[in-house]
Protein backbone atom coordinates (compact mmCIF):
# COMPACT_ATOMS: atom_id res chain seq x y z
CA UNK A 1 108.33 98.77 104.80
CA UNK A 2 112.11 98.98 104.52
CA UNK A 3 114.08 97.33 107.29
CA UNK A 4 116.14 99.60 109.60
CA UNK A 5 119.41 98.61 107.96
CA UNK A 6 118.06 99.89 104.63
CA UNK A 7 117.64 103.41 105.96
CA UNK A 8 120.63 105.70 105.39
CA UNK A 9 121.09 106.48 109.08
CA UNK A 10 120.65 104.73 112.42
CA UNK A 11 117.29 103.05 113.12
CA UNK A 12 114.75 105.81 113.77
CA UNK A 13 113.19 106.49 117.14
CA UNK A 14 109.43 106.55 117.51
CA UNK A 15 109.42 110.35 117.17
CA UNK A 16 111.15 110.05 113.78
CA UNK A 17 108.58 107.64 112.35
CA UNK A 18 105.65 109.50 110.85
CA UNK A 19 102.85 108.51 108.53
CA UNK A 20 104.81 110.02 105.65
CA UNK A 21 107.71 107.71 106.57
CA UNK A 22 105.59 104.69 105.69
CA UNK A 23 104.32 106.30 102.50
CA UNK A 24 107.82 107.30 101.41
CA UNK A 25 109.21 103.84 102.11
CA UNK A 26 106.64 102.20 99.83
CA UNK A 27 107.23 104.71 97.06
CA UNK A 28 111.01 104.35 97.39
CA UNK A 29 110.97 100.56 97.12
CA UNK A 30 108.93 100.71 93.90
CA UNK A 31 110.91 103.55 92.31
CA UNK A 32 114.38 102.39 93.31
CA UNK A 33 113.71 98.89 91.96
CA UNK A 34 112.21 100.28 88.76
CA UNK A 35 109.02 98.32 89.29
CA UNK A 36 105.89 98.61 87.15
CA UNK A 37 102.52 96.85 87.05
CA UNK A 38 102.70 96.78 90.86
CA UNK A 39 99.96 95.47 93.14
CA UNK A 40 100.02 97.02 96.60
CA UNK A 41 98.33 95.23 99.50
CA UNK A 42 97.53 96.94 102.80
CA UNK A 43 95.99 95.30 105.87
CA UNK A 44 94.26 97.26 108.64
CA UNK A 45 96.18 100.54 109.28
CA UNK A 46 98.43 99.82 106.28
CA UNK A 47 95.61 100.65 103.91
CA UNK A 48 96.27 104.33 104.65
CA UNK A 49 99.94 104.54 103.57
CA UNK A 50 99.33 102.06 100.74
CA UNK A 51 96.50 104.20 99.35
CA UNK A 52 98.62 107.34 99.58
CA UNK A 53 101.60 105.62 97.98
CA UNK A 54 99.44 104.38 95.11
CA UNK A 55 98.34 107.94 94.45
CA UNK A 56 101.97 109.08 94.28
CA UNK A 57 103.13 106.17 92.11
CA UNK A 58 100.50 106.71 89.43
CA UNK A 59 100.77 104.40 86.41
CA UNK A 60 103.33 102.18 88.12
CA UNK A 61 100.47 100.70 90.15
CA UNK A 62 98.18 98.13 88.55
CA UNK A 63 95.86 97.67 91.53
CA UNK A 64 95.54 98.29 95.25
CA UNK A 65 94.16 95.59 97.56
CA UNK A 66 92.76 96.78 100.88
CA UNK A 67 92.63 93.79 103.21
CA UNK A 68 90.00 94.59 105.86
CA UNK A 69 91.79 97.91 105.90
CA UNK A 70 91.33 101.54 106.71
CA UNK A 71 91.43 103.82 103.70
CA UNK A 72 93.00 107.29 103.67
CA UNK A 73 90.92 110.45 103.75
CA UNK A 74 92.51 113.75 102.91
CA UNK A 75 93.11 115.69 106.11
CA UNK A 76 92.05 112.84 108.41
CA UNK A 77 94.19 110.57 110.58
CA UNK A 78 93.84 106.85 111.25
CA UNK A 79 91.88 107.55 114.43
CA UNK A 80 90.14 110.63 113.05
CA UNK A 81 86.92 108.77 112.33
CA UNK A 82 86.80 107.05 115.72
CA UNK A 83 84.58 108.08 118.59
CA UNK A 84 85.95 110.69 120.97
CA UNK A 85 86.33 108.00 123.62
CA UNK A 86 88.19 105.72 121.22
CA UNK A 87 90.58 108.49 120.22
CA UNK A 88 91.25 109.35 123.84
CA UNK A 89 91.98 105.71 124.67
CA UNK A 90 94.54 105.42 121.87
CA UNK A 91 96.18 108.71 122.80
CA UNK A 92 96.49 107.60 126.42
CA UNK A 93 98.01 104.29 125.35
CA UNK A 94 100.54 106.12 123.17
CA UNK A 95 101.50 108.52 125.95
CA UNK A 96 101.94 105.73 128.49
CA UNK A 97 104.09 103.72 126.06
CA UNK A 98 106.55 106.48 125.23
CA UNK A 99 105.08 107.31 121.83
CA UNK A 100 104.19 103.77 120.76
CA UNK A 101 100.79 102.12 120.32
CA UNK A 102 101.07 98.82 122.25
CA UNK A 103 100.76 95.57 120.28
CA UNK A 104 97.57 93.50 120.61
CA UNK A 105 97.07 91.14 123.52
CA UNK A 106 95.24 87.82 123.50
CA UNK A 107 91.92 89.42 124.44
CA UNK A 108 92.20 91.76 121.44
CA UNK A 109 92.33 88.92 118.92
CA UNK A 110 89.83 86.49 120.43
CA UNK A 111 86.74 85.83 118.33
CA UNK A 112 88.51 86.15 115.00
CA UNK A 113 88.57 82.53 113.86
CA UNK A 114 92.06 81.93 115.26
CA UNK A 115 93.36 78.75 116.81
CA UNK A 116 95.21 78.92 120.11
CA UNK A 117 98.48 78.38 118.26
CA UNK A 118 97.67 81.16 115.81
CA UNK A 119 96.82 83.56 118.64
CA UNK A 120 100.09 82.74 120.37
CA UNK A 121 102.05 83.30 117.16
CA UNK A 122 100.26 86.54 116.29
CA UNK A 123 100.63 88.08 119.75
CA UNK A 124 104.26 86.96 120.14
CA UNK A 125 105.20 88.36 116.74
CA UNK A 126 103.48 91.71 117.14
CA UNK A 127 105.51 94.84 117.87
CA UNK A 128 104.61 98.33 119.10
CA UNK A 129 103.34 100.72 116.44
CA UNK A 130 104.74 104.28 116.11
CA UNK A 131 102.07 106.52 117.54
CA UNK A 132 102.48 109.54 115.27
CA UNK A 133 101.43 107.50 112.24
CA UNK A 134 98.00 107.08 113.82
CA UNK A 135 97.40 110.73 114.63
CA UNK A 136 98.79 112.61 111.64
CA UNK A 137 96.35 113.45 108.80
CA UNK A 138 96.63 111.87 105.40
CA UNK A 139 97.39 113.88 102.27
CA UNK A 140 95.84 112.62 99.04
CA UNK A 141 96.76 114.06 95.67
CA UNK A 142 94.18 112.10 93.63
CA UNK A 143 90.80 110.53 94.29
CA UNK A 144 91.01 106.91 95.47
CA UNK A 145 87.99 106.18 93.32
CA UNK A 146 90.17 106.64 90.23
CA UNK A 147 92.68 103.95 91.29
CA UNK A 148 91.75 100.32 90.43
CA UNK A 149 91.20 98.67 93.80
CA UNK A 150 89.88 95.58 95.51
CA UNK A 151 88.47 95.74 99.01
CA UNK A 152 88.59 92.45 100.92
CA UNK A 153 86.00 92.33 103.70
CA UNK A 154 86.58 89.88 106.55
CA UNK A 155 83.03 88.98 107.50
CA UNK A 156 83.69 88.08 111.12
CA UNK A 157 84.90 91.66 111.62
CA UNK A 158 81.57 93.06 110.40
CA UNK A 159 79.35 91.92 107.54
CA UNK A 160 79.38 95.13 105.54
CA UNK A 161 82.14 97.57 104.55
CA UNK A 162 82.22 100.91 106.30
CA UNK A 163 80.30 103.77 104.72
CA UNK A 164 83.38 105.36 103.18
CA UNK A 165 84.37 102.09 101.51
CA UNK A 166 80.81 101.53 100.30
CA UNK A 167 80.89 104.89 98.55
CA UNK A 168 84.15 104.04 96.80
CA UNK A 169 82.74 100.69 95.70
CA UNK A 170 80.40 102.61 93.43
CA UNK A 171 83.40 103.37 91.24
CA UNK A 172 83.74 101.29 88.09
CA UNK A 173 87.33 100.44 89.02
CA UNK A 174 86.62 99.18 92.55
CA UNK A 175 85.41 95.73 93.53
CA UNK A 176 84.51 93.93 96.74
CA UNK A 177 85.62 90.46 97.75
CA UNK A 178 84.66 88.65 100.94
CA UNK A 179 86.29 86.05 103.12
CA UNK A 180 84.44 84.36 105.97
CA UNK A 181 86.96 84.81 108.74
CA UNK A 182 88.26 87.39 111.22
CA UNK A 183 90.52 90.40 110.89
CA UNK A 184 93.75 88.39 110.54
CA UNK A 185 93.08 86.01 107.61
CA UNK A 186 96.80 85.50 107.03
CA UNK A 187 96.70 83.49 110.28
CA UNK A 188 93.17 82.07 110.22
CA UNK A 189 92.64 81.25 106.51
CA UNK A 190 96.01 81.64 104.76
CA UNK A 191 95.24 79.40 101.77
CA UNK A 192 91.87 81.00 101.08
CA UNK A 193 93.43 84.43 101.42
CA UNK A 194 96.24 83.55 99.01
CA UNK A 195 93.73 82.33 96.43
CA UNK A 196 91.67 85.49 96.85
CA UNK A 197 94.70 87.75 96.44
CA UNK A 198 95.81 85.89 93.32
CA UNK A 199 92.30 86.25 91.93
CA UNK A 200 92.32 89.99 92.64
CA UNK A 201 95.78 90.36 91.08
CA UNK A 202 94.78 88.56 87.90
CA UNK A 203 91.49 90.39 87.50
CA UNK A 204 89.25 87.42 88.24
CA UNK A 205 85.86 87.53 89.89
CA UNK A 206 85.91 84.38 91.93
CA UNK A 207 83.37 82.95 94.34
CA UNK A 208 82.44 85.28 97.16
CA UNK A 209 82.90 88.40 95.07
CA UNK A 210 80.42 91.24 94.82
CA UNK A 211 81.25 93.84 92.24
CA UNK A 212 81.22 97.57 92.77
CA UNK A 213 77.76 99.14 92.82
CA UNK A 214 76.32 96.14 94.66
CA UNK A 215 73.85 98.24 96.64
């Protein structure tokens, strides 16, 4: 995402930051720099704006990599597929935090293959997330199944992709790669993750890869 100083006006408040803000920022960076053959990578929530941006950018995008990420569904928000209780919890957290989703605490990241130092670094570096981006529905203009994509599944965060991802993996232009670590591989297994991303970017099918249609 663009830094605040790159926006034409003062840094936005939480009420100004919407899901479309994140999508527009990605699209703007690619278009303003005249980039082509782009590979977009989205982790966790970021899979939603990255998937939407890829749809808008068309042929400028070579591949999308979803890193243990949510994927956008037309008309559905980030929390739209959660249980009613889960949605209520997030909404309460946003309301209590003045429109922000609070950053993770130590208990939230335990059990994800992280050292104590990594947990300290992750928690200390995390910032609140603008709440509206989690509750506003996505708007897709093309099918994600038509966009060449790699889904990276972190196995300690669940051994199988979610049902929606599994359906997309039936596409001839989607593939699945796996990494045996938790939800934050950039902290727990950075070298393995880097190798995996390079492999995805160059079209390889390295160890730990299961191609689309694996079921």
